[in-house]
Amino acid sequence: MDTYSLIALGAIILSLFSLVLLSKLFRNLIRKQIDDQMKDMIPIKAIRERIGIRIKLRK
């Protein structure tokens, strides 16, 4: 492999890694927002966690 193909491969790997990290961050932000909104309606955390299990993101 020459230098340019190694640089391109490295750039592709770094971009895929950053996309994975951004998707995890996005999922965590959505779950936190849902939990914060449910906190106003359901003050007991154990009940919120049981209801929160049913809320799933599409994969």
PDB file of N, CA and C in Angstrom:
ATOM      1  N   MET A   1       0.851  -1.193   0.000  1.00  0.00           N
ATOM      2  CA  MET A   1       0.000   0.000   0.000  1.00  0.00           C
ATOM      3  C   MET A   1       0.885   1.241   0.000  1.00  0.00           C
ATOM      4  N   ASP A   2       0.486   2.177  -0.771  1.00  0.00           N
ATOM      5  CA  ASP A   2       1.250   3.412  -0.762  1.00  0.00           C
ATOM      6  C   ASP A   2       0.708   4.364   0.307  1.00  0.00           C
ATOM      7  N   THR A   3       1.323   5.490   0.444  1.00  0.00           N
ATOM      8  CA  THR A   3       1.011   6.423   1.522  1.00  0.00           C
ATOM      9  C   THR A   3      -0.408   6.980   1.421  1.00  0.00           C
ATOM     10  N   TYR A   4      -0.837   7.285   0.198  1.00  0.00           N
ATOM     11  CA  TYR A   4      -2.162   7.885   0.028  1.00  0.00           C
ATOM     12  C   TYR A   4      -3.284   6.926   0.398  1.00  0.00           C
ATOM     13  N   SER A   5      -3.109   5.659   0.062  1.00  0.00           N
ATOM     14  CA  SER A   5      -4.156   4.686   0.421  1.00  0.00           C
ATOM     15  C   SER A   5      -4.197   4.460   1.932  1.00  0.00           C
ATOM     16  N   LEU A   6      -3.051   4.513   2.589  1.00  0.00           N
ATOM     17  CA  LEU A   6      -3.042   4.388   4.048  1.00  0.00           C
ATOM     18  C   LEU A   6      -3.703   5.588   4.703  1.00  0.00           C
ATOM     19  N   ILE A   7      -3.457   6.762   4.165  1.00  0.00           N
ATOM     20  CA  ILE A   7      -4.098   7.971   4.697  1.00  0.00           C
ATOM     21  C   ILE A   7      -5.604   7.909   4.476  1.00  0.00           C
ATOM     22  N   ALA A   8      -6.027   7.449   3.297  1.00  0.00           N
ATOM     23  CA  ALA A   8      -7.460   7.330   3.009  1.00  0.00           C
ATOM     24  C   ALA A   8      -8.114   6.300   3.910  1.00  0.00           C
ATOM     25  N   LEU A   9      -7.452   5.178   4.126  1.00  0.00           N
ATOM     26  CA  LEU A   9      -7.985   4.136   5.014  1.00  0.00           C
ATOM     27  C   LEU A   9      -8.103   4.658   6.438  1.00  0.00           C
ATOM     28  N   GLY A  10      -7.095   5.374   6.896  1.00  0.00           N
ATOM     29  CA  GLY A  10      -7.142   5.964   8.232  1.00  0.00           C
ATOM     30  C   GLY A  10      -8.266   6.969   8.370  1.00  0.00           C
ATOM     31  N   ALA A  11      -8.487   7.780   7.333  1.00  0.00           N
ATOM     32  CA  ALA A  11      -9.570   8.770   7.368  1.00  0.00           C
ATOM     33  C   ALA A  11     -10.929   8.081   7.409  1.00  0.00           C
ATOM     34  N   ILE A  12     -11.088   7.010   6.658  1.00  0.00           N
ATOM     35  CA  ILE A  12     -12.357   6.271   6.651  1.00  0.00           C
ATOM     36  C   ILE A  12     -12.611   5.647   8.015  1.00  0.00           C
ATOM     37  N   ILE A  13     -11.597   5.057   8.613  1.00  0.00           N
ATOM     38  CA  ILE A  13     -11.757   4.432   9.927  1.00  0.00           C
ATOM     39  C   ILE A  13     -12.096   5.479  10.987  1.00  0.00           C
ATOM     40  N   LEU A  14     -11.404   6.618  10.951  1.00  0.00           N
ATOM     41  CA  LEU A  14     -11.700   7.684  11.910  1.00  0.00           C
ATOM     42  C   LEU A  14     -13.102   8.242  11.725  1.00  0.00           C
ATOM     43  N   SER A  15     -13.556   8.377  10.484  1.00  0.00           N
ATOM     44  CA  SER A  15     -14.900   8.902  10.261  1.00  0.00           C
ATOM     45  C   SER A  15     -15.967   7.910  10.722  1.00  0.00           C
ATOM     46  N   LEU A  16     -15.750   6.623  10.492  1.00  0.00           N
ATOM     47  CA  LEU A  16     -16.708   5.620  10.974  1.00  0.00           C
ATOM     48  C   LEU A  16     -16.745   5.585  12.494  1.00  0.00           C
ATOM     49  N   PHE A  17     -15.588   5.711  13.131  1.00  0.00           N
ATOM     50  CA  PHE A  17     -15.527   5.735  14.588  1.00  0.00           C
ATOM     51  C   PHE A  17     -16.261   6.952  15.142  1.00  0.00           C
ATOM     52  N   SER A  18     -16.088   8.098  14.496  1.00  0.00           N
ATOM     53  CA  SER A  18     -16.781   9.301  14.963  1.00  0.00           C
ATOM     54  C   SER A  18     -18.285   9.186  14.739  1.00  0.00           C
ATOM     55  N   LEU A  19     -18.719   8.533  13.666  1.00  0.00           N
ATOM     56  CA  LEU A  19     -20.150   8.326  13.446  1.00  0.00           C
ATOM     57  C   LEU A  19     -20.743   7.426  14.522  1.00  0.00           C
ATOM     58  N   VAL A  20     -20.024   6.400  14.918  1.00  0.00           N
ATOM     59  CA  VAL A  20     -20.506   5.515  15.984  1.00  0.00           C
ATOM     60  C   VAL A  20     -20.632   6.291  17.290  1.00  0.00           C
ATOM     61  N   LEU A  21     -19.615   7.102  17.601  1.00  0.00           N
ATOM     62  CA  LEU A  21     -19.675   7.891  18.832  1.00  0.00           C
ATOM     63  C   LEU A  21     -20.818   8.894  18.806  1.00  0.00           C
ATOM     64  N   LEU A  22     -21.040   9.531  17.673  1.00  0.00           N
ATOM     65  CA  LEU A  22     -22.140  10.497  17.572  1.00  0.00           C
ATOM     66  C   LEU A  22     -23.499   9.819  17.697  1.00  0.00           C
ATOM     67  N   SER A  23     -23.641   8.616  17.139  1.00  0.00           N
ATOM     68  CA  SER A  23     -24.922   7.921  17.262  1.00  0.00           C
ATOM     69  C   SER A  23     -25.189   7.521  18.708  1.00  0.00           C
ATOM     70  N   LYS A  24     -24.144   7.089  19.431  1.00  0.00           N
ATOM     71  CA  LYS A  24     -24.321   6.758  20.851  1.00  0.00           C
ATOM     72  C   LYS A  24     -24.680   7.998  21.657  1.00  0.00           C
ATOM     73  N   LEU A  25     -24.030   9.106  21.360  1.00  0.00           N
ATOM     74  CA  LEU A  25     -24.333  10.358  22.041  1.00  0.00           C
ATOM     75  C   LEU A  25     -25.769  10.788  21.774  1.00  0.00           C
ATOM     76  N   PHE A  26     -26.207  10.643  20.530  1.00  0.00           N
ATOM     77  CA  PHE A  26     -27.568  11.003  20.153  1.00  0.00           C
ATOM     78  C   PHE A  26     -28.584  10.147  20.901  1.00  0.00           C
ATOM     79  N   ARG A  27     -28.338   8.838  20.985  1.00  0.00           N
ATOM     80  CA  ARG A  27     -29.249   7.945  21.723  1.00  0.00           C
ATOM     81  C   ARG A  27     -29.304   8.313  23.198  1.00  0.00           C
ATOM     82  N   ASN A  28     -28.152   8.591  23.788  1.00  0.00           N
ATOM     83  CA  ASN A  28     -28.127   8.952  25.207  1.00  0.00           C
ATOM     84  C   ASN A  28     -28.856  10.261  25.467  1.00  0.00           C
ATOM     85  N   LEU A  29     -28.713  11.220  24.563  1.00  0.00           N
ATOM     86  CA  LEU A  29     -29.418  12.491  24.728  1.00  0.00           C
ATOM     87  C   LEU A  29     -30.931  12.309  24.631  1.00  0.00           C
ATOM     88  N   ILE A  30     -31.371  11.464  23.717  1.00  0.00           N
ATOM     89  CA  ILE A  30     -32.806  11.197  23.582  1.00  0.00           C
ATOM     90  C   ILE A  30     -33.331  10.512  24.839  1.00  0.00           C
ATOM     91  N   ARG A  31     -32.601   9.518  25.337  1.00  0.00           N
ATOM     92  CA  ARG A  31     -33.048   8.821  26.550  1.00  0.00           C
ATOM     93  C   ARG A  31     -33.089   9.757  27.748  1.00  0.00           C
ATOM     94  N   LYS A  32     -32.112  10.649  27.858  1.00  0.00           N
ATOM     95  CA  LYS A  32     -32.103  11.598  28.963  1.00  0.00           C
ATOM     96  C   LYS A  32     -33.269  12.573  28.852  1.00  0.00           C
ATOM     97  N   GLN A  33     -33.573  13.013  27.632  1.00  0.00           N
ATOM     98  CA  GLN A  33     -34.688  13.929  27.450  1.00  0.00           C
ATOM     99  C   GLN A  33     -36.010  13.249  27.797  1.00  0.00           C
ATOM    100  N   ILE A  34     -36.173  11.999  27.391  1.00  0.00           N
ATOM    101  CA  ILE A  34     -37.386  11.255  27.722  1.00  0.00           C
ATOM    102  C   ILE A  34     -37.498  11.087  29.229  1.00  0.00           C
ATOM    103  N   ASP A  35     -36.375  10.752  29.880  1.00  0.00           N
ATOM    104  CA  ASP A  35     -36.388  10.574  31.332  1.00  0.00           C
ATOM    105  C   ASP A  35     -36.719  11.886  32.045  1.00  0.00           C
ATOM    106  N   ASP A  36     -36.173  12.998  31.560  1.00  0.00           N
ATOM    107  CA  ASP A  36     -36.470  14.290  32.182  1.00  0.00           C
ATOM    108  C   ASP A  36     -37.945  14.668  32.024  1.00  0.00           C
ATOM    109  N   GLN A  37     -38.509  14.363  30.862  1.00  0.00           N
ATOM    110  CA  GLN A  37     -39.922  14.670  30.653  1.00  0.00           C
ATOM    111  C   GLN A  37     -40.803  13.759  31.502  1.00  0.00           C
ATOM    112  N   MET A  38     -40.406  12.510  31.662  1.00  0.00           N
ATOM    113  CA  MET A  38     -41.199  11.585  32.471  1.00  0.00           C
ATOM    114  C   MET A  38     -41.067  11.900  33.955  1.00  0.00           C
ATOM    115  N   LYS A  39     -39.960  12.534  34.339  1.00  0.00           N
ATOM    116  CA  LYS A  39     -39.735  12.862  35.745  1.00  0.00           C
ATOM    117  C   LYS A  39     -40.815  13.803  36.263  1.00  0.00           C
ATOM    118  N   ASP A  40     -41.310  14.687  35.398  1.00  0.00           N
ATOM    119  CA  ASP A  40     -42.379  15.591  35.801  1.00  0.00           C
ATOM    120  C   ASP A  40     -43.687  14.840  36.046  1.00  0.00           C
ATOM    121  N   MET A  41     -43.935  13.817  35.232  1.00  0.00           N
ATOM    122  CA  MET A  41     -45.192  13.080  35.351  1.00  0.00           C
ATOM    123  C   MET A  41     -45.106  11.979  36.411  1.00  0.00           C
ATOM    124  N   ILE A  42     -43.961  11.280  36.473  1.00  0.00           N
ATOM    125  CA  ILE A  42     -43.802  10.143  37.383  1.00  0.00           C
ATOM    126  C   ILE A  42     -42.582  10.417  38.263  1.00  0.00           C
ATOM    127  N   PRO A  43     -42.796  10.829  39.493  1.00  0.00           N
ATOM    128  CA  PRO A  43     -41.650  11.195  40.332  1.00  0.00           C
ATOM    129  C   PRO A  43     -40.830  10.018  40.857  1.00  0.00           C
ATOM    130  N   ILE A  44     -41.368   8.799  40.883  1.00  0.00           N
ATOM    131  CA  ILE A  44     -40.653   7.647  41.441  1.00  0.00           C
ATOM    132  C   ILE A  44     -39.778   7.024  40.341  1.00  0.00           C
ATOM    133  N   LYS A  45     -38.486   6.943  40.604  1.00  0.00           N
ATOM    134  CA  LYS A  45     -37.537   6.515  39.578  1.00  0.00           C
ATOM    135  C   LYS A  45     -37.719   5.051  39.186  1.00  0.00           C
ATOM    136  N   ALA A  46     -38.052   4.183  40.112  1.00  0.00           N
ATOM    137  CA  ALA A  46     -38.206   2.758  39.796  1.00  0.00           C
ATOM    138  C   ALA A  46     -39.344   2.539  38.791  1.00  0.00           C
ATOM    139  N   ILE A  47     -40.418   3.281  38.952  1.00  0.00           N
ATOM    140  CA  ILE A  47     -41.538   3.151  38.006  1.00  0.00           C
ATOM    141  C   ILE A  47     -41.137   3.722  36.650  1.00  0.00           C
ATOM    142  N   ARG A  48     -40.391   4.834  36.657  1.00  0.00           N
ATOM    143  CA  ARG A  48     -39.925   5.433  35.400  1.00  0.00           C
ATOM    144  C   ARG A  48     -39.031   4.468  34.633  1.00  0.00           C
ATOM    145  N   GLU A  49     -38.167   3.748  35.349  1.00  0.00           N
ATOM    146  CA  GLU A  49     -37.281   2.800  34.674  1.00  0.00           C
ATOM    147  C   GLU A  49     -38.065   1.646  34.065  1.00  0.00           C
ATOM    148  N   ARG A  50     -39.107   1.196  34.743  1.00  0.00           N
ATOM    149  CA  ARG A  50     -39.935   0.121  34.175  1.00  0.00           C
ATOM    150  C   ARG A  50     -40.638   0.590  32.913  1.00  0.00           C
ATOM    151  N   ILE A  51     -41.153   1.800  32.932  1.00  0.00           N
ATOM    152  CA  ILE A  51     -41.825   2.325  31.745  1.00  0.00           C
ATOM    153  C   ILE A  51     -40.802   2.630  30.663  1.00  0.00           C
ATOM    154  N   GLY A  52     -39.621   3.097  31.050  1.00  0.00           N
ATOM    155  CA  GLY A  52     -38.580   3.449  30.095  1.00  0.00           C
ATOM    156  C   GLY A  52     -38.035   2.263  29.332  1.00  0.00           C
ATOM    157  N   ILE A  53     -38.148   1.063  29.901  1.00  0.00           N
ATOM    158  CA  ILE A  53     -37.688  -0.126  29.209  1.00  0.00           C
ATOM    159  C   ILE A  53     -38.518  -0.357  27.945  1.00  0.00           C
ATOM    160  N   ARG A  54     -39.763  -0.001  27.978  1.00  0.00           N
ATOM    161  CA  ARG A  54     -40.647  -0.230  26.835  1.00  0.00           C
ATOM    162  C   ARG A  54     -40.373   0.736  25.684  1.00  0.00           C
ATOM    163  N   ILE A  55     -39.725   1.853  25.963  1.00  0.00           N
ATOM    164  CA  ILE A  55     -39.426   2.826  24.928  1.00  0.00           C
ATOM    165  C   ILE A  55     -38.113   2.415  24.270  1.00  0.00           C
ATOM    166  N   LYS A  56     -38.171   2.000  23.030  1.00  0.00           N
ATOM    167  CA  LYS A  56     -36.989   1.549  22.317  1.00  0.00           C
ATOM    168  C   LYS A  56     -36.792   2.424  21.080  1.00  0.00           C
ATOM    169  N   LEU A  57     -35.537   2.634  20.726  1.00  0.00           N
ATOM    170  CA  LEU A  57     -35.200   3.352  19.497  1.00  0.00           C
ATOM    171  C   LEU A  57     -35.128   2.346  18.356  1.00  0.00           C
ATOM    172  N   ARG A  58     -35.503   2.783  17.184  1.00  0.00           N
ATOM    173  CA  ARG A  58     -35.382   1.903  16.025  1.00  0.00           C
ATOM    174  C   ARG A  58     -33.919   1.723  15.690  1.00  0.00           C
ATOM    175  N   LYS A  59     -33.586   0.516  15.299  1.00  0.00           N
ATOM    176  CA  LYS A  59     -32.177   0.235  14.931  1.00  0.00           C
ATOM    177  C   LYS A  59     -32.076  -0.057  13.473  1.00  0.00           C
TER     178      LYS A  59
END
